[in-house]
Amino acid sequence: MSEPTVVRRVLQVEHITIETTKKFADVQVALESTVPQFNPAMLDALAKGDEQRVKELEGGAPLFIFLKRDHGAILQIAGRPSKATQYEIGNPLTATRMTRHQLPAALYAPLRVVIYETAGAGTRFEYDKPSDLFGQFGDEAVTAVGRELDVELERALRRAAE
């Protein structure tokens, strides 16, 4: 039996923070009202190769909330519950535009975003720049989609923070 091969690389990723003086609850409501919840029927349509149905289900929305985790609640164990939510945000059709070229791009699709209340009672979003995450694969087709996601994600988060 042979030993597995392990390859390690160091990546440089731009980390982005968007901060607002708006209250956490208001920003969270704004985000969830502008970025729709993911419809699992999109996955069924993709699995059937029905791109037209996927586009109908998208309804023109570039991004969807796949998952929402209340990260602040788990800090209760440390005696410091806080307002903090982690989101997985993306678009399954967009993801296929990358993973058809580089399957490991699935590691970052959907993207992760955290929103939390700051010490001054404002709100902050944090995430890693998509084009940096996807750019590591050295495939321009994948990196180009990452650059589109740079714009779409920042636009959605800025809109929620306004």
Foldseek 3Di string as FASTA:
>chain_A
DDDDDDDDDDFDWDKDKDWAQDAQVQLVVLLPVLADADDCVLVVCVVVVNVVVNCVVCVPHQKHWDDKDQPQVVCVVVVGRFGKIKTFMGGVVLQCQQCVPPVVLVVQVRHIKMKGQDPSRIIMIMGIQQLRSQCVVVDVSRSVSSVVVNVSVVVSSVSSRD
